[in-house]
Amino acid sequence: MFEAAKYYNAFWFPSNYYDLALYFKNKEGKNFSQVSAEKILSKDFSSASGWQIAKKWLIDKGIVQQPPKTGGGCGV
């Protein structure tokens, strides 16, 4: 079940999981498929705060750029 959820989440949140794949490749030398589903689905990575920590690490290392700031919101 964890393995299915890992790939379902990657499909549902592609940019977040792309960042996580980059994080694991650059920090641990592992491909996305090599990282355990339990680890990726943990609150340390699959929560908003966990993903932000991984994204900040990528930005700080110059692997990805900080996205541009926009003034928009959801407008609902």
PDB file of N, CA and C in Angstrom:
ATOM      1  N   MET A   1       0.815  -1.189   0.000  1.00  0.00           N
ATOM      2  CA  MET A   1       0.000   0.000   0.000  1.00  0.00           C
ATOM      3  C   MET A   1       0.867   1.266   0.000  1.00  0.00           C
ATOM      4  N   PHE A   2       1.938   1.251   0.785  1.00  0.00           N
ATOM      5  CA  PHE A   2       2.807   2.420   0.825  1.00  0.00           C
ATOM      6  C   PHE A   2       3.411   2.702  -0.555  1.00  0.00           C
ATOM      7  N   GLU A   3       3.838   1.655  -1.224  1.00  0.00           N
ATOM      8  CA  GLU A   3       4.468   1.829  -2.531  1.00  0.00           C
ATOM      9  C   GLU A   3       3.474   2.433  -3.527  1.00  0.00           C
ATOM     10  N   ALA A   4       2.243   1.962  -3.505  1.00  0.00           N
ATOM     11  CA  ALA A   4       1.207   2.515  -4.391  1.00  0.00           C
ATOM     12  C   ALA A   4       0.955   3.978  -4.050  1.00  0.00           C
ATOM     13  N   ALA A   5       0.888   4.304  -2.768  1.00  0.00           N
ATOM     14  CA  ALA A   5       0.651   5.689  -2.343  1.00  0.00           C
ATOM     15  C   ALA A   5       1.803   6.598  -2.746  1.00  0.00           C
ATOM     16  N   LYS A   6       3.016   6.096  -2.700  1.00  0.00           N
ATOM     17  CA  LYS A   6       4.202   6.875  -3.101  1.00  0.00           C
ATOM     18  C   LYS A   6       4.047   7.346  -4.544  1.00  0.00           C
ATOM     19  N   TYR A   7       3.683   6.446  -5.438  1.00  0.00           N
ATOM     20  CA  TYR A   7       3.561   6.807  -6.849  1.00  0.00           C
ATOM     21  C   TYR A   7       2.268   7.556  -7.146  1.00  0.00           C
ATOM     22  N   TYR A   8       1.214   7.293  -6.393  1.00  0.00           N
ATOM     23  CA  TYR A   8      -0.022   8.057  -6.548  1.00  0.00           C
ATOM     24  C   TYR A   8       0.232   9.523  -6.171  1.00  0.00           C
ATOM     25  N   ASN A   9       0.895   9.755  -5.054  1.00  0.00           N
ATOM     26  CA  ASN A   9       1.210  11.119  -4.639  1.00  0.00           C
ATOM     27  C   ASN A   9       2.111  11.820  -5.658  1.00  0.00           C
ATOM     28  N   ALA A  10       3.063  11.095  -6.225  1.00  0.00           N
ATOM     29  CA  ALA A  10       3.942  11.677  -7.238  1.00  0.00           C
ATOM     30  C   ALA A  10       3.144  12.094  -8.471  1.00  0.00           C
ATOM     31  N   PHE A  11       2.106  11.356  -8.795  1.00  0.00           N
ATOM     32  CA  PHE A  11       1.217  11.707  -9.905  1.00  0.00           C
ATOM     33  C   PHE A  11       0.349  12.907  -9.546  1.00  0.00           C
ATOM     34  N   TRP A  12      -0.151  12.932  -8.316  1.00  0.00           N
ATOM     35  CA  TRP A  12      -1.089  13.972  -7.883  1.00  0.00           C
ATOM     36  C   TRP A  12      -0.378  15.299  -7.583  1.00  0.00           C
ATOM     37  N   PHE A  13       0.837  15.247  -7.093  1.00  0.00           N
ATOM     38  CA  PHE A  13       1.624  16.437  -6.755  1.00  0.00           C
ATOM     39  C   PHE A  13       2.971  16.384  -7.483  1.00  0.00           C
ATOM     40  N   PRO A  14       2.964  16.468  -8.807  1.00  0.00           N
ATOM     41  CA  PRO A  14       4.211  16.223  -9.558  1.00  0.00           C
ATOM     42  C   PRO A  14       5.352  17.181  -9.237  1.00  0.00           C
ATOM     43  N   SER A  15       5.073  18.454  -9.038  1.00  0.00           N
ATOM     44  CA  SER A  15       6.183  19.379  -8.772  1.00  0.00           C
ATOM     45  C   SER A  15       6.795  19.134  -7.395  1.00  0.00           C
ATOM     46  N   ASN A  16       5.976  18.824  -6.408  1.00  0.00           N
ATOM     47  CA  ASN A  16       6.493  18.535  -5.075  1.00  0.00           C
ATOM     48  C   ASN A  16       7.371  17.286  -5.082  1.00  0.00           C
ATOM     49  N   TYR A  17       6.896  16.256  -5.756  1.00  0.00           N
ATOM     50  CA  TYR A  17       7.643  15.005  -5.758  1.00  0.00           C
ATOM     51  C   TYR A  17       8.842  15.056  -6.694  1.00  0.00           C
ATOM     52  N   TYR A  18       8.801  15.906  -7.702  1.00  0.00           N
ATOM     53  CA  TYR A  18       9.994  16.154  -8.509  1.00  0.00           C
ATOM     54  C   TYR A  18      11.077  16.766  -7.625  1.00  0.00           C
ATOM     55  N   ASP A  19      10.681  17.746  -6.809  1.00  0.00           N
ATOM     56  CA  ASP A  19      11.632  18.354  -5.875  1.00  0.00           C
ATOM     57  C   ASP A  19      12.183  17.319  -4.902  1.00  0.00           C
ATOM     58  N   LEU A  20      11.318  16.449  -4.391  1.00  0.00           N
ATOM     59  CA  LEU A  20      11.785  15.418  -3.467  1.00  0.00           C
ATOM     60  C   LEU A  20      12.741  14.452  -4.161  1.00  0.00           C
ATOM     61  N   ALA A  21      12.455  14.114  -5.419  1.00  0.00           N
ATOM     62  CA  ALA A  21      13.357  13.236  -6.167  1.00  0.00           C
ATOM     63  C   ALA A  21      14.723  13.905  -6.334  1.00  0.00           C
ATOM     64  N   LEU A  22      14.733  15.198  -6.653  1.00  0.00           N
ATOM     65  CA  LEU A  22      15.993  15.940  -6.755  1.00  0.00           C
ATOM     66  C   LEU A  22      16.728  15.967  -5.420  1.00  0.00           C
ATOM     67  N   TYR A  23      15.984  16.176  -4.357  1.00  0.00           N
ATOM     68  CA  TYR A  23      16.553  16.222  -3.007  1.00  0.00           C
ATOM     69  C   TYR A  23      17.271  14.915  -2.685  1.00  0.00           C
ATOM     70  N   PHE A  24      16.588  13.782  -2.864  1.00  0.00           N
ATOM     71  CA  PHE A  24      17.190  12.502  -2.529  1.00  0.00           C
ATOM     72  C   PHE A  24      18.361  12.177  -3.451  1.00  0.00           C
ATOM     73  N   LYS A  25      18.259  12.551  -4.722  1.00  0.00           N
ATOM     74  CA  LYS A  25      19.351  12.281  -5.658  1.00  0.00           C
ATOM     75  C   LYS A  25      20.598  13.065  -5.268  1.00  0.00           C
ATOM     76  N   ASN A  26      20.407  14.328  -4.904  1.00  0.00           N
ATOM     77  CA  ASN A  26      21.549  15.180  -4.593  1.00  0.00           C
ATOM     78  C   ASN A  26      22.057  15.023  -3.175  1.00  0.00           C
ATOM     79  N   LYS A  27      21.187  14.769  -2.230  1.00  0.00           N
ATOM     80  CA  LYS A  27      21.622  14.668  -0.833  1.00  0.00           C
ATOM     81  C   LYS A  27      22.075  13.261  -0.459  1.00  0.00           C
ATOM     82  N   GLU A  28      21.368  12.252  -0.967  1.00  0.00           N
ATOM     83  CA  GLU A  28      21.666  10.877  -0.568  1.00  0.00           C
ATOM     84  C   GLU A  28      22.178  10.012  -1.717  1.00  0.00           C
ATOM     85  N   GLY A  29      22.199  10.559  -2.937  1.00  0.00           N
ATOM     86  CA  GLY A  29      22.661   9.780  -4.082  1.00  0.00           C
ATOM     87  C   GLY A  29      21.714   8.663  -4.480  1.00  0.00           C
ATOM     88  N   LYS A  30      20.437   8.796  -4.141  1.00  0.00           N
ATOM     89  CA  LYS A  30      19.448   7.750  -4.429  1.00  0.00           C
ATOM     90  C   LYS A  30      18.433   8.251  -5.453  1.00  0.00           C
ATOM     91  N   ASN A  31      18.047   7.355  -6.355  1.00  0.00           N
ATOM     92  CA  ASN A  31      16.942   7.643  -7.251  1.00  0.00           C
ATOM     93  C   ASN A  31      15.642   7.543  -6.468  1.00  0.00           C
ATOM     94  N   PHE A  32      14.598   8.181  -6.988  1.00  0.00           N
ATOM     95  CA  PHE A  32      13.284   8.161  -6.345  1.00  0.00           C
ATOM     96  C   PHE A  32      12.847   6.724  -6.050  1.00  0.00           C
ATOM     97  N   SER A  33      13.060   5.835  -6.993  1.00  0.00           N
ATOM     98  CA  SER A  33      12.629   4.444  -6.817  1.00  0.00           C
ATOM     99  C   SER A  33      13.385   3.727  -5.697  1.00  0.00           C
ATOM    100  N   GLN A  34      14.551   4.229  -5.329  1.00  0.00           N
ATOM    101  CA  GLN A  34      15.365   3.599  -4.287  1.00  0.00           C
ATOM    102  C   GLN A  34      15.009   4.061  -2.875  1.00  0.00           C
ATOM    103  N   VAL A  35      14.245   5.134  -2.762  1.00  0.00           N
ATOM    104  CA  VAL A  35      13.872   5.665  -1.443  1.00  0.00           C
ATOM    105  C   VAL A  35      12.617   4.939  -0.985  1.00  0.00           C
ATOM    106  N   SER A  36      12.617   4.475   0.249  1.00  0.00           N
ATOM    107  CA  SER A  36      11.464   3.717   0.743  1.00  0.00           C
ATOM    108  C   SER A  36      10.207   4.582   0.736  1.00  0.00           C
ATOM    109  N   ALA A  37       9.107   3.926   0.435  1.00  0.00           N
ATOM    110  CA  ALA A  37       7.824   4.616   0.411  1.00  0.00           C
ATOM    111  C   ALA A  37       7.490   5.179   1.791  1.00  0.00           C
ATOM    112  N   GLU A  38       7.818   4.439   2.831  1.00  0.00           N
ATOM    113  CA  GLU A  38       7.531   4.903   4.192  1.00  0.00           C
ATOM    114  C   GLU A  38       8.269   6.209   4.484  1.00  0.00           C
ATOM    115  N   LYS A  39       9.499   6.321   4.001  1.00  0.00           N
ATOM    116  CA  LYS A  39      10.277   7.536   4.241  1.00  0.00           C
ATOM    117  C   LYS A  39       9.682   8.726   3.473  1.00  0.00           C
ATOM    118  N   ILE A  40       9.406   8.531   2.199  1.00  0.00           N
ATOM    119  CA  ILE A  40       8.860   9.621   1.392  1.00  0.00           C
ATOM    120  C   ILE A  40       7.484  10.051   1.885  1.00  0.00           C
ATOM    121  N   LEU A  41       6.670   9.100   2.320  1.00  0.00           N
ATOM    122  CA  LEU A  41       5.314   9.420   2.768  1.00  0.00           C
ATOM    123  C   LEU A  41       5.256   9.926   4.208  1.00  0.00           C
ATOM    124  N   SER A  42       6.391   9.948   4.880  1.00  0.00           N
ATOM    125  CA  SER A  42       6.401  10.431   6.262  1.00  0.00           C
ATOM    126  C   SER A  42       6.154  11.935   6.308  1.00  0.00           C
ATOM    127  N   LYS A  43       5.816  12.417   7.494  1.00  0.00           N
ATOM    128  CA  LYS A  43       5.588  13.854   7.664  1.00  0.00           C
ATOM    129  C   LYS A  43       6.848  14.662   7.393  1.00  0.00           C
ATOM    130  N   ASP A  44       8.004  14.009   7.459  1.00  0.00           N
ATOM    131  CA  ASP A  44       9.270  14.702   7.201  1.00  0.00           C
ATOM    132  C   ASP A  44       9.416  15.122   5.749  1.00  0.00           C
ATOM    133  N   PHE A  45       8.658  14.509   4.833  1.00  0.00           N
ATOM    134  CA  PHE A  45       8.775  14.848   3.418  1.00  0.00           C
ATOM    135  C   PHE A  45       7.439  15.118   2.742  1.00  0.00           C
ATOM    136  N   SER A  46       6.388  14.400   3.090  1.00  0.00           N
ATOM    137  CA  SER A  46       5.118  14.541   2.388  1.00  0.00           C
ATOM    138  C   SER A  46       4.140  15.498   3.048  1.00  0.00           C
ATOM    139  N   SER A  47       4.579  16.217   4.046  1.00  0.00           N
ATOM    140  CA  SER A  47       3.755  17.289   4.601  1.00  0.00           C
ATOM    141  C   SER A  47       4.208  18.598   3.953  1.00  0.00           C
ATOM    142  N   ALA A  48       3.405  19.629   4.079  1.00  0.00           N
ATOM    143  CA  ALA A  48       3.782  20.929   3.512  1.00  0.00           C
ATOM    144  C   ALA A  48       5.102  21.411   4.117  1.00  0.00           C
ATOM    145  N   SER A  49       5.245  21.276   5.429  1.00  0.00           N
ATOM    146  CA  SER A  49       6.478  21.750   6.073  1.00  0.00           C
ATOM    147  C   SER A  49       7.674  20.873   5.701  1.00  0.00           C
ATOM    148  N   GLY A  50       7.473  19.572   5.573  1.00  0.00           N
ATOM    149  CA  GLY A  50       8.562  18.685   5.187  1.00  0.00           C
ATOM    150  C   GLY A  50       9.051  18.968   3.781  1.00  0.00           C
ATOM    151  N   TRP A  51       8.110  19.148   2.849  1.00  0.00           N
ATOM    152  CA  TRP A  51       8.490  19.464   1.478  1.00  0.00           C
ATOM    153  C   TRP A  51       9.219  20.805   1.421  1.00  0.00           C
ATOM    154  N   GLN A  52       8.764  21.796   2.198  1.00  0.00           N
ATOM    155  CA  GLN A  52       9.412  23.114   2.203  1.00  0.00           C
ATOM    156  C   GLN A  52      10.858  23.029   2.693  1.00  0.00           C
ATOM    157  N   ILE A  53      11.126  22.175   3.643  1.00  0.00           N
ATOM    158  CA  ILE A  53      12.499  21.990   4.129  1.00  0.00           C
ATOM    159  C   ILE A  53      13.373  21.419   3.012  1.00  0.00           C
ATOM    160  N   ALA A  54      12.855  20.408   2.309  1.00  0.00           N
ATOM    161  CA  ALA A  54      13.610  19.823   1.191  1.00  0.00           C
ATOM    162  C   ALA A  54      13.796  20.866   0.087  1.00  0.00           C
ATOM    163  N   LYS A  55      12.766  21.633  -0.220  1.00  0.00           N
ATOM    164  CA  LYS A  55      12.853  22.665  -1.260  1.00  0.00           C
ATOM    165  C   LYS A  55      13.878  23.722  -0.873  1.00  0.00           C
ATOM    166  N   LYS A  56      13.876  24.136   0.389  1.00  0.00           N
ATOM    167  CA  LYS A  56      14.846  25.136   0.855  1.00  0.00           C
ATOM    168  C   LYS A  56      16.272  24.597   0.717  1.00  0.00           C
ATOM    169  N   TRP A  57      16.479  23.326   1.023  1.00  0.00           N
ATOM    170  CA  TRP A  57      17.802  22.727   0.877  1.00  0.00           C
ATOM    171  C   TRP A  57      18.247  22.803  -0.584  1.00  0.00           C
ATOM    172  N   LEU A  58      17.339  22.497  -1.511  1.00  0.00           N
ATOM    173  CA  LEU A  58      17.653  22.565  -2.941  1.00  0.00           C
ATOM    174  C   LEU A  58      17.988  23.994  -3.366  1.00  0.00           C
ATOM    175  N   ILE A  59      17.242  24.959  -2.865  1.00  0.00           N
ATOM    176  CA  ILE A  59      17.484  26.370  -3.190  1.00  0.00           C
ATOM    177  C   ILE A  59      18.820  26.819  -2.611  1.00  0.00           C
ATOM    178  N   ASP A  60      19.071  26.475  -1.355  1.00  0.00           N
ATOM    179  CA  ASP A  60      20.326  26.872  -0.696  1.00  0.00           C
ATOM    180  C   ASP A  60      21.559  26.295  -1.393  1.00  0.00           C
ATOM    181  N   LYS A  61      21.424  25.114  -1.972  1.00  0.00           N
ATOM    182  CA  LYS A  61      22.538  24.475  -2.677  1.00  0.00           C
ATOM    183  C   LYS A  61      22.636  24.941  -4.132  1.00  0.00           C
ATOM    184  N   GLY A  62      21.684  25.770  -4.582  1.00  0.00           N
ATOM    185  CA  GLY A  62      21.696  26.267  -5.952  1.00  0.00           C
ATOM    186  C   GLY A  62      21.231  25.246  -6.978  1.00  0.00           C
ATOM    187  N   ILE A  63      20.570  24.215  -6.536  1.00  0.00           N
ATOM    188  CA  ILE A  63      20.096  23.169  -7.440  1.00  0.00           C
ATOM    189  C   ILE A  63      18.832  23.626  -8.167  1.00  0.00           C
ATOM    190  N   VAL A  64      17.975  24.320  -7.464  1.00  0.00           N
ATOM    191  CA  VAL A  64      16.790  24.947  -8.062  1.00  0.00           C
ATOM    192  C   VAL A  64      16.748  26.397  -7.603  1.00  0.00           C
ATOM    193  N   GLN A  65      15.998  27.199  -8.312  1.00  0.00           N
ATOM    194  CA  GLN A  65      15.872  28.600  -7.947  1.00  0.00           C
ATOM    195  C   GLN A  65      14.611  28.822  -7.131  1.00  0.00           C
ATOM    196  N   GLN A  66      14.654  29.872  -6.345  1.00  0.00           N
ATOM    197  CA  GLN A  66      13.470  30.292  -5.607  1.00  0.00           C
ATOM    198  C   GLN A  66      12.410  30.690  -6.625  1.00  0.00           C
ATOM    199  N   PRO A  67      11.173  30.169  -6.508  1.00  0.00           N
ATOM    200  CA  PRO A  67      10.142  30.577  -7.453  1.00  0.00           C
ATOM    201  C   PRO A  67       9.827  32.068  -7.297  1.00  0.00           C
ATOM    202  N   PRO A  68       9.403  32.722  -8.379  1.00  0.00           N
ATOM    203  CA  PRO A  68       9.090  34.142  -8.269  1.00  0.00           C
ATOM    204  C   PRO A  68       7.902  34.369  -7.346  1.00  0.00           C
ATOM    205  N   LYS A  69       7.951  35.479  -6.638  1.00  0.00           N
ATOM    206  CA  LYS A  69       6.849  35.844  -5.745  1.00  0.00           C
ATOM    207  C   LYS A  69       5.734  36.460  -6.578  1.00  0.00           C
ATOM    208  N   THR A  70       4.514  36.015  -6.338  1.00  0.00           N
ATOM    209  CA  THR A  70       3.350  36.616  -6.986  1.00  0.00           C
ATOM    210  C   THR A  70       2.396  37.062  -5.905  1.00  0.00           C
ATOM    211  N   GLY A  71       1.583  38.007  -6.218  1.00  0.00           N
ATOM    212  CA  GLY A  71       0.648  38.536  -5.227  1.00  0.00           C
ATOM    213  C   GLY A  71      -0.682  37.823  -5.177  1.00  0.00           C
ATOM    214  N   GLY A  72      -0.836  36.783  -5.966  1.00  0.00           N
ATOM    215  CA  GLY A  72      -2.122  36.115  -6.070  1.00  0.00           C
ATOM    216  C   GLY A  72      -2.461  35.234  -4.894  1.00  0.00           C
ATOM    217  N   GLY A  73      -3.680  34.832  -4.859  1.00  0.00           N
ATOM    218  CA  GLY A  73      -4.181  33.888  -3.881  1.00  0.00           C
ATOM    219  C   GLY A  73      -5.205  33.007  -4.583  1.00  0.00           C
ATOM    220  N   CYS A  74      -5.863  32.191  -3.832  1.00  0.00           N
ATOM    221  CA  CYS A  74      -6.833  31.303  -4.478  1.00  0.00           C
ATOM    222  C   CYS A  74      -8.099  32.048  -4.872  1.00  0.00           C
ATOM    223  N   GLY A  75      -8.383  33.156  -4.221  1.00  0.00           N
ATOM    224  CA  GLY A  75      -9.533  33.964  -4.601  1.00  0.00           C
ATOM    225  C   GLY A  75     -10.885  33.382  -4.253  1.00  0.00           C
ATOM    226  N   VAL A  76     -10.900  32.373  -3.414  1.00  0.00           N
ATOM    227  CA  VAL A  76     -12.181  31.759  -3.059  1.00  0.00           C
ATOM    228  C   VAL A  76     -12.717  32.428  -1.835  1.00  0.00           C
TER     229      VAL A  76
END
